Amino acid sequence: SNNVILLYSGVSRSKSLNGGNTGNWNREH
């Protein structure tokens, strides 16, 4: 529950790592 699943890669990543840097996840249209 601390993570989100990334759409294209399928990776589970921490919810706190949202942003624009390498290693972050962002909002894909």
mmCIF file of all heavy atoms, coordinates in Angstrom:
data_MODEL
# 
_entry.id   MODEL 
# 
loop_
_atom_site.group_PDB 
_atom_site.id 
_atom_site.type_symbol 
_atom_site.label_atom_id 
_atom_site.label_alt_id 
_atom_site.label_comp_id 
_atom_site.label_asym_id 
_atom_site.label_entity_id 
_atom_site.label_seq_id 
_atom_site.pdbx_PDB_ins_code 
_atom_site.Cartn_x 
_atom_site.Cartn_y 
_atom_site.Cartn_z 
_atom_site.occupancy 
_atom_site.B_iso_or_equiv 
_atom_site.pdbx_formal_charge 
_atom_site.auth_seq_id 
_atom_site.auth_comp_id 
_atom_site.auth_asym_id 
_atom_site.auth_atom_id 
_atom_site.pdbx_PDB_model_num 
ATOM 1   N N   . SER A 1 1  ? 0.801  -1.224 0.000   1.00 0.00 ? 1  SER A N   1 
ATOM 2   C CA  . SER A 1 1  ? 0.000  0.000  0.000   1.00 0.00 ? 1  SER A CA  1 
ATOM 3   C C   . SER A 1 1  ? 0.831  1.270  0.000   1.00 0.00 ? 1  SER A C   1 
ATOM 4   O O   . SER A 1 1  ? 0.288  2.363  -0.151  1.00 0.00 ? 1  SER A O   1 
ATOM 5   C CB  . SER A 1 1  ? -0.945 0.008  1.203   1.00 0.00 ? 1  SER A CB  1 
ATOM 6   O OG  . SER A 1 1  ? -0.216 -0.017 2.417   1.00 0.00 ? 1  SER A OG  1 
ATOM 7   N N   . ASN A 1 2  ? 2.140  1.143  0.143   1.00 0.00 ? 2  ASN A N   1 
ATOM 8   C CA  . ASN A 1 2  ? 3.020  2.311  0.082   1.00 0.00 ? 2  ASN A CA  1 
ATOM 9   C C   . ASN A 1 2  ? 3.466  2.636  -1.339  1.00 0.00 ? 2  ASN A C   1 
ATOM 10  O O   . ASN A 1 2  ? 4.118  3.656  -1.559  1.00 0.00 ? 2  ASN A O   1 
ATOM 11  C CB  . ASN A 1 2  ? 4.266  2.084  0.949   1.00 0.00 ? 2  ASN A CB  1 
ATOM 12  C CG  . ASN A 1 2  ? 3.943  1.979  2.423   1.00 0.00 ? 2  ASN A CG  1 
ATOM 13  O OD1 . ASN A 1 2  ? 3.163  2.777  2.944   1.00 0.00 ? 2  ASN A OD1 1 
ATOM 14  N ND2 . ASN A 1 2  ? 4.524  1.003  3.101   1.00 0.00 ? 2  ASN A ND2 1 
ATOM 15  N N   . ASN A 1 3  ? 3.120  1.771  -2.288  1.00 0.00 ? 3  ASN A N   1 
ATOM 16  C CA  . ASN A 1 3  ? 3.616  1.904  -3.652  1.00 0.00 ? 3  ASN A CA  1 
ATOM 17  C C   . ASN A 1 3  ? 2.492  2.033  -4.663  1.00 0.00 ? 3  ASN A C   1 
ATOM 18  O O   . ASN A 1 3  ? 1.331  1.722  -4.370  1.00 0.00 ? 3  ASN A O   1 
ATOM 19  C CB  . ASN A 1 3  ? 4.457  0.675  -4.027  1.00 0.00 ? 3  ASN A CB  1 
ATOM 20  C CG  . ASN A 1 3  ? 5.802  0.634  -3.331  1.00 0.00 ? 3  ASN A CG  1 
ATOM 21  O OD1 . ASN A 1 3  ? 6.068  1.417  -2.419  1.00 0.00 ? 3  ASN A OD1 1 
ATOM 22  N ND2 . ASN A 1 3  ? 6.660  -0.277 -3.750  1.00 0.00 ? 3  ASN A ND2 1 
ATOM 23  N N   . VAL A 1 4  ? 2.867  2.476  -5.872  1.00 0.00 ? 4  VAL A N   1 
ATOM 24  C CA  . VAL A 1 4  ? 1.985  2.436  -7.033  1.00 0.00 ? 4  VAL A CA  1 
ATOM 25  C C   . VAL A 1 4  ? 2.627  1.549  -8.092  1.00 0.00 ? 4  VAL A C   1 
ATOM 26  O O   . VAL A 1 4  ? 3.842  1.359  -8.110  1.00 0.00 ? 4  VAL A O   1 
ATOM 27  C CB  . VAL A 1 4  ? 1.726  3.843  -7.624  1.00 0.00 ? 4  VAL A CB  1 
ATOM 28  C CG1 . VAL A 1 4  ? 0.893  4.685  -6.672  1.00 0.00 ? 4  VAL A CG1 1 
ATOM 29  C CG2 . VAL A 1 4  ? 3.033  4.546  -7.993  1.00 0.00 ? 4  VAL A CG2 1 
ATOM 30  N N   . ILE A 1 5  ? 1.789  0.987  -8.981  1.00 0.00 ? 5  ILE A N   1 
ATOM 31  C CA  . ILE A 1 5  ? 2.278  0.217  -10.114 1.00 0.00 ? 5  ILE A CA  1 
ATOM 32  C C   . ILE A 1 5  ? 2.405  1.157  -11.311 1.00 0.00 ? 5  ILE A C   1 
ATOM 33  O O   . ILE A 1 5  ? 1.450  1.856  -11.677 1.00 0.00 ? 5  ILE A O   1 
ATOM 34  C CB  . ILE A 1 5  ? 1.326  -0.936 -10.466 1.00 0.00 ? 5  ILE A CB  1 
ATOM 35  C CG1 . ILE A 1 5  ? 1.190  -1.904 -9.289  1.00 0.00 ? 5  ILE A CG1 1 
ATOM 36  C CG2 . ILE A 1 5  ? 1.811  -1.674 -11.714 1.00 0.00 ? 5  ILE A CG2 1 
ATOM 37  C CD1 . ILE A 1 5  ? 2.430  -2.704 -8.984  1.00 0.00 ? 5  ILE A CD1 1 
ATOM 38  N N   . LEU A 1 6  ? 3.581  1.192  -11.927 1.00 0.00 ? 6  LEU A N   1 
ATOM 39  C CA  . LEU A 1 6  ? 3.816  2.067  -13.074 1.00 0.00 ? 6  LEU A CA  1 
ATOM 40  C C   . LEU A 1 6  ? 3.284  1.411  -14.347 1.00 0.00 ? 6  LEU A C   1 
ATOM 41  O O   . LEU A 1 6  ? 3.538  0.232  -14.613 1.00 0.00 ? 6  LEU A O   1 
ATOM 42  C CB  . LEU A 1 6  ? 5.311  2.377  -13.204 1.00 0.00 ? 6  LEU A CB  1 
ATOM 43  C CG  . LEU A 1 6  ? 5.980  2.935  -11.941 1.00 0.00 ? 6  LEU A CG  1 
ATOM 44  C CD1 . LEU A 1 6  ? 7.403  3.385  -12.257 1.00 0.00 ? 6  LEU A CD1 1 
ATOM 45  C CD2 . LEU A 1 6  ? 5.170  4.097  -11.337 1.00 0.00 ? 6  LEU A CD2 1 
ATOM 46  N N   . LEU A 1 7  ? 2.572  2.180  -15.142 1.00 0.00 ? 7  LEU A N   1 
ATOM 47  C CA  . LEU A 1 7  ? 1.827  1.647  -16.274 1.00 0.00 ? 7  LEU A CA  1 
ATOM 48  C C   . LEU A 1 7  ? 2.692  0.885  -17.266 1.00 0.00 ? 7  LEU A C   1 
ATOM 49  O O   . LEU A 1 7  ? 2.459  -0.292 -17.528 1.00 0.00 ? 7  LEU A O   1 
ATOM 50  C CB  . LEU A 1 7  ? 1.086  2.786  -16.993 1.00 0.00 ? 7  LEU A CB  1 
ATOM 51  C CG  . LEU A 1 7  ? 0.342  2.397  -18.272 1.00 0.00 ? 7  LEU A CG  1 
ATOM 52  C CD1 . LEU A 1 7  ? -0.805 1.443  -17.975 1.00 0.00 ? 7  LEU A CD1 1 
ATOM 53  C CD2 . LEU A 1 7  ? -0.175 3.645  -18.996 1.00 0.00 ? 7  LEU A CD2 1 
ATOM 54  N N   . TYR A 1 8  ? 3.664  1.545  -17.867 1.00 0.00 ? 8  TYR A N   1 
ATOM 55  C CA  . TYR A 1 8  ? 4.390  0.934  -18.975 1.00 0.00 ? 8  TYR A CA  1 
ATOM 56  C C   . TYR A 1 8  ? 5.423  -0.092 -18.529 1.00 0.00 ? 8  TYR A C   1 
ATOM 57  O O   . TYR A 1 8  ? 5.643  -1.090 -19.212 1.00 0.00 ? 8  TYR A O   1 
ATOM 58  C CB  . TYR A 1 8  ? 5.068  2.020  -19.824 1.00 0.00 ? 8  TYR A CB  1 
ATOM 59  C CG  . TYR A 1 8  ? 4.116  2.982  -20.477 1.00 0.00 ? 8  TYR A CG  1 
ATOM 60  C CD1 . TYR A 1 8  ? 4.351  4.362  -20.444 1.00 0.00 ? 8  TYR A CD1 1 
ATOM 61  C CD2 . TYR A 1 8  ? 2.973  2.540  -21.127 1.00 0.00 ? 8  TYR A CD2 1 
ATOM 62  C CE1 . TYR A 1 8  ? 3.479  5.255  -21.041 1.00 0.00 ? 8  TYR A CE1 1 
ATOM 63  C CE2 . TYR A 1 8  ? 2.088  3.422  -21.719 1.00 0.00 ? 8  TYR A CE2 1 
ATOM 64  C CZ  . TYR A 1 8  ? 2.347  4.784  -21.680 1.00 0.00 ? 8  TYR A CZ  1 
ATOM 65  O OH  . TYR A 1 8  ? 1.472  5.672  -22.271 1.00 0.00 ? 8  TYR A OH  1 
ATOM 66  N N   . SER A 1 9  ? 6.064  0.123  -17.395 1.00 0.00 ? 9  SER A N   1 
ATOM 67  C CA  . SER A 1 9  ? 7.131  -0.775 -16.952 1.00 0.00 ? 9  SER A CA  1 
ATOM 68  C C   . SER A 1 9  ? 6.635  -1.883 -16.041 1.00 0.00 ? 9  SER A C   1 
ATOM 69  O O   . SER A 1 9  ? 7.277  -2.923 -15.917 1.00 0.00 ? 9  SER A O   1 
ATOM 70  C CB  . SER A 1 9  ? 8.229  0.019  -16.237 1.00 0.00 ? 9  SER A CB  1 
ATOM 71  O OG  . SER A 1 9  ? 7.701  0.652  -15.077 1.00 0.00 ? 9  SER A OG  1 
ATOM 72  N N   . GLY A 1 10 ? 5.499  -1.676 -15.355 1.00 0.00 ? 10 GLY A N   1 
ATOM 73  C CA  . GLY A 1 10 ? 4.992  -2.659 -14.412 1.00 0.00 ? 10 GLY A CA  1 
ATOM 74  C C   . GLY A 1 10 ? 5.700  -2.646 -13.077 1.00 0.00 ? 10 GLY A C   1 
ATOM 75  O O   . GLY A 1 10 ? 5.407  -3.459 -12.206 1.00 0.00 ? 10 GLY A O   1 
ATOM 76  N N   . VAL A 1 11 ? 6.620  -1.723 -12.873 1.00 0.00 ? 11 VAL A N   1 
ATOM 77  C CA  . VAL A 1 11 ? 7.400  -1.651 -11.643 1.00 0.00 ? 11 VAL A CA  1 
ATOM 78  C C   . VAL A 1 11 ? 6.540  -1.111 -10.506 1.00 0.00 ? 11 VAL A C   1 
ATOM 79  O O   . VAL A 1 11 ? 5.693  -0.248 -10.708 1.00 0.00 ? 11 VAL A O   1 
ATOM 80  C CB  . VAL A 1 11 ? 8.640  -0.753 -11.858 1.00 0.00 ? 11 VAL A CB  1 
ATOM 81  C CG1 . VAL A 1 11 ? 9.321  -0.409 -10.535 1.00 0.00 ? 11 VAL A CG1 1 
ATOM 82  C CG2 . VAL A 1 11 ? 9.614  -1.422 -12.809 1.00 0.00 ? 11 VAL A CG2 1 
ATOM 83  N N   . SER A 1 12 ? 6.765  -1.632 -9.294  1.00 0.00 ? 12 SER A N   1 
ATOM 84  C CA  . SER A 1 12 ? 6.144  -1.099 -8.085  1.00 0.00 ? 12 SER A CA  1 
ATOM 85  C C   . SER A 1 12 ? 7.094  -0.083 -7.469  1.00 0.00 ? 12 SER A C   1 
ATOM 86  O O   . SER A 1 12 ? 8.237  -0.406 -7.143  1.00 0.00 ? 12 SER A O   1 
ATOM 87  C CB  . SER A 1 12 ? 5.875  -2.238 -7.093  1.00 0.00 ? 12 SER A CB  1 
ATOM 88  O OG  . SER A 1 12 ? 5.313  -1.745 -5.902  1.00 0.00 ? 12 SER A OG  1 
ATOM 89  N N   . ARG A 1 13 ? 6.627  1.166  -7.315  1.00 0.00 ? 13 ARG A N   1 
ATOM 90  C CA  . ARG A 1 13 ? 7.505  2.247  -6.845  1.00 0.00 ? 13 ARG A CA  1 
ATOM 91  C C   . ARG A 1 13 ? 6.808  3.029  -5.731  1.00 0.00 ? 13 ARG A C   1 
ATOM 92  O O   . ARG A 1 13 ? 5.601  3.197  -5.733  1.00 0.00 ? 13 ARG A O   1 
ATOM 93  C CB  . ARG A 1 13 ? 7.873  3.170  -8.007  1.00 0.00 ? 13 ARG A CB  1 
ATOM 94  C CG  . ARG A 1 13 ? 8.891  4.255  -7.654  1.00 0.00 ? 13 ARG A CG  1 
ATOM 95  C CD  . ARG A 1 13 ? 9.475  4.874  -8.908  1.00 0.00 ? 13 ARG A CD  1 
ATOM 96  N NE  . ARG A 1 13 ? 10.272 3.896  -9.655  1.00 0.00 ? 13 ARG A NE  1 
ATOM 97  C CZ  . ARG A 1 13 ? 10.758 4.092  -10.882 1.00 0.00 ? 13 ARG A CZ  1 
ATOM 98  N NH1 . ARG A 1 13 ? 10.530 5.239  -11.496 1.00 0.00 ? 13 ARG A NH1 1 
ATOM 99  N NH2 . ARG A 1 13 ? 11.459 3.162  -11.481 1.00 0.00 ? 13 ARG A NH2 1 
ATOM 100 N N   . SER A 1 14 ? 7.607  3.529  -4.809  1.00 0.00 ? 14 SER A N   1 
ATOM 101 C CA  . SER A 1 14 ? 7.082  4.259  -3.656  1.00 0.00 ? 14 SER A CA  1 
ATOM 102 C C   . SER A 1 14 ? 6.215  5.438  -4.098  1.00 0.00 ? 14 SER A C   1 
ATOM 103 O O   . SER A 1 14 ? 6.566  6.196  -5.011  1.00 0.00 ? 14 SER A O   1 
ATOM 104 C CB  . SER A 1 14 ? 8.234  4.776  -2.793  1.00 0.00 ? 14 SER A CB  1 
ATOM 105 O OG  . SER A 1 14 ? 7.745  5.615  -1.767  1.00 0.00 ? 14 SER A OG  1 
ATOM 106 N N   . LYS A 1 15 ? 5.079  5.589  -3.426  1.00 0.00 ? 15 LYS A N   1 
ATOM 107 C CA  . LYS A 1 15 ? 4.201  6.719  -3.703  1.00 0.00 ? 15 LYS A CA  1 
ATOM 108 C C   . LYS A 1 15 ? 4.910  8.050  -3.481  1.00 0.00 ? 15 LYS A C   1 
ATOM 109 O O   . LYS A 1 15 ? 4.581  9.048  -4.126  1.00 0.00 ? 15 LYS A O   1 
ATOM 110 C CB  . LYS A 1 15 ? 2.965  6.647  -2.808  1.00 0.00 ? 15 LYS A CB  1 
ATOM 111 C CG  . LYS A 1 15 ? 2.017  5.509  -3.122  1.00 0.00 ? 15 LYS A CG  1 
ATOM 112 C CD  . LYS A 1 15 ? 0.852  5.480  -2.136  1.00 0.00 ? 15 LYS A CD  1 
ATOM 113 C CE  . LYS A 1 15 ? -0.122 4.357  -2.454  1.00 0.00 ? 15 LYS A CE  1 
ATOM 114 N NZ  . LYS A 1 15 ? -1.249 4.293  -1.485  1.00 0.00 ? 15 LYS A NZ  1 
ATOM 115 N N   . SER A 1 16 ? 5.872  8.062  -2.584  1.00 0.00 ? 16 SER A N   1 
ATOM 116 C CA  . SER A 1 16 ? 6.563  9.307  -2.246  1.00 0.00 ? 16 SER A CA  1 
ATOM 117 C C   . SER A 1 16 ? 7.530  9.762  -3.333  1.00 0.00 ? 16 SER A C   1 
ATOM 118 O O   . SER A 1 16 ? 7.992  10.905 -3.313  1.00 0.00 ? 16 SER A O   1 
ATOM 119 C CB  . SER A 1 16 ? 7.317  9.152  -0.924  1.00 0.00 ? 16 SER A CB  1 
ATOM 120 O OG  . SER A 1 16 ? 8.369  8.210  -1.053  1.00 0.00 ? 16 SER A OG  1 
ATOM 121 N N   . LEU A 1 17 ? 7.826  8.887  -4.313  1.00 0.00 ? 17 LEU A N   1 
ATOM 122 C CA  . LEU A 1 17 ? 8.795  9.228  -5.356  1.00 0.00 ? 17 LEU A CA  1 
ATOM 123 C C   . LEU A 1 17 ? 8.122  9.831  -6.579  1.00 0.00 ? 17 LEU A C   1 
ATOM 124 O O   . LEU A 1 17 ? 8.523  9.585  -7.710  1.00 0.00 ? 17 LEU A O   1 
ATOM 125 C CB  . LEU A 1 17 ? 9.599  7.983  -5.753  1.00 0.00 ? 17 LEU A CB  1 
ATOM 126 C CG  . LEU A 1 17 ? 10.564 7.451  -4.694  1.00 0.00 ? 17 LEU A CG  1 
ATOM 127 C CD1 . LEU A 1 17 ? 11.237 6.165  -5.168  1.00 0.00 ? 17 LEU A CD1 1 
ATOM 128 C CD2 . LEU A 1 17 ? 11.624 8.507  -4.361  1.00 0.00 ? 17 LEU A CD2 1 
ATOM 129 N N   . ASN A 1 18 ? 7.096  10.646 -6.358  1.00 0.00 ? 18 ASN A N   1 
ATOM 130 C CA  . ASN A 1 18 ? 6.470  11.339 -7.481  1.00 0.00 ? 18 ASN A CA  1 
ATOM 131 C C   . ASN A 1 18 ? 7.210  12.654 -7.729  1.00 0.00 ? 18 ASN A C   1 
ATOM 132 O O   . ASN A 1 18 ? 7.543  13.375 -6.804  1.00 0.00 ? 18 ASN A O   1 
ATOM 133 C CB  . ASN A 1 18 ? 4.988  11.610 -7.202  1.00 0.00 ? 18 ASN A CB  1 
ATOM 134 C CG  . ASN A 1 18 ? 4.747  12.449 -5.966  1.00 0.00 ? 18 ASN A CG  1 
ATOM 135 O OD1 . ASN A 1 18 ? 5.101  12.044 -4.866  1.00 0.00 ? 18 ASN A OD1 1 
ATOM 136 N ND2 . ASN A 1 18 ? 4.152  13.629 -6.145  1.00 0.00 ? 18 ASN A ND2 1 
ATOM 137 N N   . GLY A 1 19 ? 7.478  12.909 -8.993  1.00 0.00 ? 19 GLY A N   1 
ATOM 138 C CA  . GLY A 1 19 ? 8.211  14.117 -9.351  1.00 0.00 ? 19 GLY A CA  1 
ATOM 139 C C   . GLY A 1 19 ? 8.743  14.036 -10.754 1.00 0.00 ? 19 GLY A C   1 
ATOM 140 O O   . GLY A 1 19 ? 8.252  13.254 -11.572 1.00 0.00 ? 19 GLY A O   1 
ATOM 141 N N   . GLY A 1 20 ? 9.781  14.814 -11.038 1.00 0.00 ? 20 GLY A N   1 
ATOM 142 C CA  . GLY A 1 20 ? 10.290 14.891 -12.397 1.00 0.00 ? 20 GLY A CA  1 
ATOM 143 C C   . GLY A 1 20 ? 11.712 14.429 -12.582 1.00 0.00 ? 20 GLY A C   1 
ATOM 144 O O   . GLY A 1 20 ? 12.275 14.599 -13.670 1.00 0.00 ? 20 GLY A O   1 
ATOM 145 N N   . ASN A 1 21 ? 12.320 13.835 -11.564 1.00 0.00 ? 21 ASN A N   1 
ATOM 146 C CA  . ASN A 1 21 ? 13.721 13.417 -11.657 1.00 0.00 ? 21 ASN A CA  1 
ATOM 147 C C   . ASN A 1 21 ? 13.846 11.947 -12.036 1.00 0.00 ? 21 ASN A C   1 
ATOM 148 O O   . ASN A 1 21 ? 12.895 11.175 -11.914 1.00 0.00 ? 21 ASN A O   1 
ATOM 149 C CB  . ASN A 1 21 ? 14.421 13.655 -10.316 1.00 0.00 ? 21 ASN A CB  1 
ATOM 150 C CG  . ASN A 1 21 ? 14.444 15.122 -9.930  1.00 0.00 ? 21 ASN A CG  1 
ATOM 151 O OD1 . ASN A 1 21 ? 14.630 15.998 -10.778 1.00 0.00 ? 21 ASN A OD1 1 
ATOM 152 N ND2 . ASN A 1 21 ? 14.231 15.399 -8.644  1.00 0.00 ? 21 ASN A ND2 1 
ATOM 153 N N   . THR A 1 22 ? 15.029 11.564 -12.478 1.00 0.00 ? 22 THR A N   1 
ATOM 154 C CA  . THR A 1 22 ? 15.307 10.165 -12.768 1.00 0.00 ? 22 THR A CA  1 
ATOM 155 C C   . THR A 1 22 ? 15.038 9.330  -11.522 1.00 0.00 ? 22 THR A C   1 
ATOM 156 O O   . THR A 1 22 ? 15.451 9.676  -10.421 1.00 0.00 ? 22 THR A O   1 
ATOM 157 C CB  . THR A 1 22 ? 16.772 9.982  -13.199 1.00 0.00 ? 22 THR A CB  1 
ATOM 158 O OG1 . THR A 1 22 ? 16.994 10.756 -14.389 1.00 0.00 ? 22 THR A OG1 1 
ATOM 159 C CG2 . THR A 1 22 ? 17.088 8.523  -13.474 1.00 0.00 ? 22 THR A CG2 1 
ATOM 160 N N   . GLY A 1 23 ? 14.317 8.237  -11.682 1.00 0.00 ? 23 GLY A N   1 
ATOM 161 C CA  . GLY A 1 23 ? 13.936 7.400  -10.555 1.00 0.00 ? 23 GLY A CA  1 
ATOM 162 C C   . GLY A 1 23 ? 12.589 7.747  -9.963  1.00 0.00 ? 23 GLY A C   1 
ATOM 163 O O   . GLY A 1 23 ? 12.073 7.016  -9.120  1.00 0.00 ? 23 GLY A O   1 
ATOM 164 N N   . ASN A 1 24 ? 12.008 8.874  -10.403 1.00 0.00 ? 24 ASN A N   1 
ATOM 165 C CA  . ASN A 1 24 ? 10.672 9.264  -9.962  1.00 0.00 ? 24 ASN A CA  1 
ATOM 166 C C   . ASN A 1 24 ? 9.608  8.694  -10.896 1.00 0.00 ? 24 ASN A C   1 
ATOM 167 O O   . ASN A 1 24 ? 9.915  8.192  -11.984 1.00 0.00 ? 24 ASN A O   1 
ATOM 168 C CB  . ASN A 1 24 ? 10.523 10.788 -9.951  1.00 0.00 ? 24 ASN A CB  1 
ATOM 169 C CG  . ASN A 1 24 ? 11.306 11.479 -8.855  1.00 0.00 ? 24 ASN A CG  1 
ATOM 170 O OD1 . ASN A 1 24 ? 11.554 12.672 -8.935  1.00 0.00 ? 24 ASN A OD1 1 
ATOM 171 N ND2 . ASN A 1 24 ? 11.718 10.755 -7.825  1.00 0.00 ? 24 ASN A ND2 1 
ATOM 172 N N   . TRP A 1 25 ? 8.351  8.823  -10.478 1.00 0.00 ? 25 TRP A N   1 
ATOM 173 C CA  . TRP A 1 25 ? 7.230  8.575  -11.382 1.00 0.00 ? 25 TRP A CA  1 
ATOM 174 C C   . TRP A 1 25 ? 6.463  9.876  -11.570 1.00 0.00 ? 25 TRP A C   1 
ATOM 175 O O   . TRP A 1 25 ? 6.456  10.740 -10.700 1.00 0.00 ? 25 TRP A O   1 
ATOM 176 C CB  . TRP A 1 25 ? 6.318  7.464  -10.855 1.00 0.00 ? 25 TRP A CB  1 
ATOM 177 C CG  . TRP A 1 25 ? 5.646  7.706  -9.523  1.00 0.00 ? 25 TRP A CG  1 
ATOM 178 C CD1 . TRP A 1 25 ? 6.116  7.376  -8.289  1.00 0.00 ? 25 TRP A CD1 1 
ATOM 179 C CD2 . TRP A 1 25 ? 4.355  8.314  -9.308  1.00 0.00 ? 25 TRP A CD2 1 
ATOM 180 N NE1 . TRP A 1 25 ? 5.212  7.734  -7.314  1.00 0.00 ? 25 TRP A NE1 1 
ATOM 181 C CE2 . TRP A 1 25 ? 4.119  8.310  -7.897  1.00 0.00 ? 25 TRP A CE2 1 
ATOM 182 C CE3 . TRP A 1 25 ? 3.387  8.863  -10.151 1.00 0.00 ? 25 TRP A CE3 1 
ATOM 183 C CZ2 . TRP A 1 25 ? 2.959  8.830  -7.332  1.00 0.00 ? 25 TRP A CZ2 1 
ATOM 184 C CZ3 . TRP A 1 25 ? 2.226  9.388  -9.581  1.00 0.00 ? 25 TRP A CZ3 1 
ATOM 185 C CH2 . TRP A 1 25 ? 2.023  9.359  -8.187  1.00 0.00 ? 25 TRP A CH2 1 
ATOM 186 N N   . ASN A 1 26 ? 5.870  10.023 -12.737 1.00 0.00 ? 26 ASN A N   1 
ATOM 187 C CA  . ASN A 1 26 ? 5.102  11.237 -13.009 1.00 0.00 ? 26 ASN A CA  1 
ATOM 188 C C   . ASN A 1 26 ? 3.761  10.897 -13.638 1.00 0.00 ? 26 ASN A C   1 
ATOM 189 O O   . ASN A 1 26 ? 3.381  9.728  -13.726 1.00 0.00 ? 26 ASN A O   1 
ATOM 190 C CB  . ASN A 1 26 ? 5.907  12.233 -13.856 1.00 0.00 ? 26 ASN A CB  1 
ATOM 191 C CG  . ASN A 1 26 ? 6.349  11.670 -15.193 1.00 0.00 ? 26 ASN A CG  1 
ATOM 192 O OD1 . ASN A 1 26 ? 5.969  10.553 -15.567 1.00 0.00 ? 26 ASN A OD1 1 
ATOM 193 N ND2 . ASN A 1 26 ? 7.154  12.412 -15.916 1.00 0.00 ? 26 ASN A ND2 1 
ATOM 194 N N   . ARG A 1 27 ? 3.025  11.934 -14.046 1.00 0.00 ? 27 ARG A N   1 
ATOM 195 C CA  . ARG A 1 27 ? 1.650  11.780 -14.518 1.00 0.00 ? 27 ARG A CA  1 
ATOM 196 C C   . ARG A 1 27 ? 1.639  11.684 -16.041 1.00 0.00 ? 27 ARG A C   1 
ATOM 197 O O   . ARG A 1 27 ? 1.783  12.694 -16.731 1.00 0.00 ? 27 ARG A O   1 
ATOM 198 C CB  . ARG A 1 27 ? 0.813  12.970 -14.041 1.00 0.00 ? 27 ARG A CB  1 
ATOM 199 C CG  . ARG A 1 27 ? 0.701  13.107 -12.533 1.00 0.00 ? 27 ARG A CG  1 
ATOM 200 C CD  . ARG A 1 27 ? 0.315  14.523 -12.091 1.00 0.00 ? 27 ARG A CD  1 
ATOM 201 N NE  . ARG A 1 27 ? 1.384  15.487 -12.350 1.00 0.00 ? 27 ARG A NE  1 
ATOM 202 C CZ  . ARG A 1 27 ? 1.352  16.757 -11.974 1.00 0.00 ? 27 ARG A CZ  1 
ATOM 203 N NH1 . ARG A 1 27 ? 0.289  17.232 -11.333 1.00 0.00 ? 27 ARG A NH1 1 
ATOM 204 N NH2 . ARG A 1 27 ? 2.366  17.548 -12.246 1.00 0.00 ? 27 ARG A NH2 1 
ATOM 205 N N   . GLU A 1 28 ? 1.442  10.489 -16.544 1.00 0.00 ? 28 GLU A N   1 
ATOM 206 C CA  . GLU A 1 28 ? 1.406  10.261 -17.984 1.00 0.00 ? 28 GLU A CA  1 
ATOM 207 C C   . GLU A 1 28 ? 0.012  10.484 -18.542 1.00 0.00 ? 28 GLU A C   1 
ATOM 208 O O   . GLU A 1 28 ? -0.970 9.912  -18.041 1.00 0.00 ? 28 GLU A O   1 
ATOM 209 C CB  . GLU A 1 28 ? 1.862  8.828  -18.294 1.00 0.00 ? 28 GLU A CB  1 
ATOM 210 C CG  . GLU A 1 28 ? 1.389  8.245  -19.617 1.00 0.00 ? 28 GLU A CG  1 
ATOM 211 C CD  . GLU A 1 28 ? 2.078  8.796  -20.846 1.00 0.00 ? 28 GLU A CD  1 
ATOM 212 O OE1 . GLU A 1 28 ? 2.512  9.963  -20.815 1.00 0.00 ? 28 GLU A OE1 1 
ATOM 213 O OE2 . GLU A 1 28 ? 2.184  8.064  -21.840 1.00 0.00 ? 28 GLU A OE2 1 
ATOM 214 N N   . HIS A 1 29 ? -0.098 11.324 -19.561 1.00 0.00 ? 29 HIS A N   1 
ATOM 215 C CA  . HIS A 1 29 ? -1.335 11.467 -20.312 1.00 0.00 ? 29 HIS A CA  1 
ATOM 216 C C   . HIS A 1 29 ? -1.324 10.399 -21.400 1.00 0.00 ? 29 HIS A C   1 
ATOM 217 O O   . HIS A 1 29 ? -0.607 10.523 -22.395 1.00 0.00 ? 29 HIS A O   1 
ATOM 218 C CB  . HIS A 1 29 ? -1.446 12.847 -20.945 1.00 0.00 ? 29 HIS A CB  1 
ATOM 219 C CG  . HIS A 1 29 ? -1.646 13.959 -19.960 1.00 0.00 ? 29 HIS A CG  1 
ATOM 220 N ND1 . HIS A 1 29 ? -0.618 14.497 -19.212 1.00 0.00 ? 29 HIS A ND1 1 
ATOM 221 C CD2 . HIS A 1 29 ? -2.776 14.620 -19.589 1.00 0.00 ? 29 HIS A CD2 1 
ATOM 222 C CE1 . HIS A 1 29 ? -1.087 15.454 -18.429 1.00 0.00 ? 29 HIS A CE1 1 
ATOM 223 N NE2 . HIS A 1 29 ? -2.401 15.548 -18.642 1.00 0.00 ? 29 HIS A NE2 1 
# 
